[in-house]
Structure formats: structure tokens, C-alpha cells
């Protein structure tokens, strides 16, 4: 099985953005 690196990167980016937004809040 091949893992979708793009999906993983997108997921990480979203989680990071959420963390930053929550932290800024």
C-alpha cells in the first residue's frame, strides 16, 4: 500500500494552522 504523502502533509498543515489560530485566540 502506498501512503498519500500529500494528504498527510495537508492534514499536518491543517492541524498546525488550527493550533496557531487557537493559540492566537
PDB file of N, CA and C in Angstrom:
ATOM      1  N   UNK A   1       0.852  -1.209   0.000  1.00  0.00           N
ATOM      2  CA  UNK A   1       0.000   0.000   0.000  1.00  0.00           C
ATOM      3  C   UNK A   1       0.881   1.250   0.000  1.00  0.00           C
ATOM      4  N   UNK A   2       0.492   2.226  -0.787  1.00  0.00           N
ATOM      5  CA  UNK A   2       1.272   3.476  -0.828  1.00  0.00           C
ATOM      6  C   UNK A   2       0.540   4.550  -0.026  1.00  0.00           C
ATOM      7  N   UNK A   3       1.269   5.186   0.875  1.00  0.00           N
ATOM      8  CA  UNK A   3       0.631   6.232   1.677  1.00  0.00           C
ATOM      9  C   UNK A   3       0.628   7.541   0.895  1.00  0.00           C
ATOM     10  N   UNK A   4      -0.447   8.274   0.986  1.00  0.00           N
ATOM     11  CA  UNK A   4      -0.542   9.545   0.274  1.00  0.00           C
ATOM     12  C   UNK A   4       0.178  10.611   1.095  1.00  0.00           C
ATOM     13  N   UNK A   5       1.391  10.929   0.691  1.00  0.00           N
ATOM     14  CA  UNK A   5       2.163  11.929   1.442  1.00  0.00           C
ATOM     15  C   UNK A   5       1.458  13.283   1.386  1.00  0.00           C
ATOM     16  N   UNK A   6       0.875  13.581   0.240  1.00  0.00           N
ATOM     17  CA  UNK A   6       0.201  14.882   0.099  1.00  0.00           C
ATOM     18  C   UNK A   6      -0.912  15.008   1.128  1.00  0.00           C
ATOM     19  N   UNK A   7      -1.709  13.950   1.264  1.00  0.00           N
ATOM     20  CA  UNK A   7      -2.810  14.011   2.244  1.00  0.00           C
ATOM     21  C   UNK A   7      -2.254  14.208   3.646  1.00  0.00           C
ATOM     22  N   UNK A   8      -1.202  13.484   3.959  1.00  0.00           N
ATOM     23  CA  UNK A   8      -0.613  13.605   5.300  1.00  0.00           C
ATOM     24  C   UNK A   8      -0.115  15.027   5.522  1.00  0.00           C
ATOM     25  N   UNK A   9       0.586  15.574   4.531  1.00  0.00           N
ATOM     26  CA  UNK A   9       1.109  16.943   4.681  1.00  0.00           C
ATOM     27  C   UNK A   9      -0.041  17.923   4.873  1.00  0.00           C
ATOM     28  N   UNK A  10      -1.089  17.746   4.077  1.00  0.00           N
ATOM     29  CA  UNK A  10      -2.245  18.652   4.210  1.00  0.00           C
ATOM     30  C   UNK A  10      -2.828  18.535   5.608  1.00  0.00           C
ATOM     31  N   UNK A  11      -2.966  17.303   6.091  1.00  0.00           N
ATOM     32  CA  UNK A  11      -3.535  17.095   7.425  1.00  0.00           C
ATOM     33  C   UNK A  11      -2.673  17.792   8.483  1.00  0.00           C
ATOM     34  N   UNK A  12      -1.361  17.621   8.372  1.00  0.00           N
ATOM     35  CA  UNK A  12      -0.457  18.252   9.345  1.00  0.00           C
ATOM     36  C   UNK A  12      -0.589  19.770   9.262  1.00  0.00           C
ATOM     37  N   UNK A  13      -0.642  20.280   8.028  1.00  0.00           N
ATOM     38  CA  UNK A  13      -0.747  21.732   7.875  1.00  0.00           C
ATOM     39  C   UNK A  13      -2.027  22.239   8.530  1.00  0.00           C
ATOM     40  N   UNK A  14      -3.129  21.552   8.293  1.00  0.00           N
ATOM     41  CA  UNK A  14      -4.402  21.980   8.877  1.00  0.00           C
ATOM     42  C   UNK A  14      -4.316  21.962  10.401  1.00  0.00           C
ATOM     43  N   UNK A  15      -3.777  20.888  10.947  1.00  0.00           N
ATOM     44  CA  UNK A  15      -3.682  20.783  12.410  1.00  0.00           C
ATOM     45  C   UNK A  15      -2.800  21.910  12.948  1.00  0.00           C
ATOM     46  N   UNK A  16      -1.696  22.187  12.248  1.00  0.00           N
ATOM     47  CA  UNK A  16      -0.808  23.262  12.707  1.00  0.00           C
ATOM     48  C   UNK A  16      -1.539  24.597  12.650  1.00  0.00           C
ATOM     49  N   UNK A  17      -2.248  24.834  11.545  1.00  0.00           N
ATOM     50  CA  UNK A  17      -2.973  26.107  11.422  1.00  0.00           C
ATOM     51  C   UNK A  17      -3.994  26.229  12.544  1.00  0.00           C
ATOM     52  N   UNK A  18      -4.683  25.130  12.844  1.00  0.00           N
ATOM     53  CA  UNK A  18      -5.681  25.177  13.923  1.00  0.00           C
ATOM     54  C   UNK A  18      -4.992  25.507  15.239  1.00  0.00           C
ATOM     55  N   UNK A  19      -3.833  24.897  15.466  1.00  0.00           N
ATOM     56  CA  UNK A  19      -3.109  25.164  16.726  1.00  0.00           C
ATOM     57  C   UNK A  19      -2.745  26.637  16.797  1.00  0.00           C
ATOM     58  N   UNK A  20      -2.220  27.173  15.713  1.00  0.00           N
ATOM     59  CA  UNK A  20      -1.802  28.583  15.705  1.00  0.00           C
ATOM     60  C   UNK A  20      -3.010  29.480  15.949  1.00  0.00           C
ATOM     61  N   UNK A  21      -4.106  29.209  15.254  1.00  0.00           N
ATOM     62  CA  UNK A  21      -5.305  30.046  15.423  1.00  0.00           C
ATOM     63  C   UNK A  21      -5.791  29.953  16.871  1.00  0.00           C
ATOM     64  N   UNK A  22      -5.831  28.752  17.420  1.00  0.00           N
ATOM     65  CA  UNK A  22      -6.293  28.582  18.801  1.00  0.00           C
ATOM     66  C   UNK A  22      -5.335  29.303  19.747  1.00  0.00           C
ATOM     67  N   UNK A  23      -4.034  29.185  19.484  1.00  0.00           N
ATOM     68  CA  UNK A  23      -3.053  29.824  20.361  1.00  0.00           C
ATOM     69  C   UNK A  23      -3.212  31.343  20.301  1.00  0.00           C
ATOM     70  N   UNK A  24      -3.431  31.877  19.092  1.00  0.00           N
ATOM     71  CA  UNK A  24      -3.599  33.327  18.942  1.00  0.00           C
ATOM     72  C   UNK A  24      -4.863  33.785  19.648  1.00  0.00           C
ATOM     73  N   UNK A  25      -5.891  32.939  19.616  1.00  0.00           N
ATOM     74  CA  UNK A  25      -7.126  33.314  20.285  1.00  0.00           C
ATOM     75  C   UNK A  25      -6.837  33.558  21.766  1.00  0.00           C
TER      76      UNK A  25
END
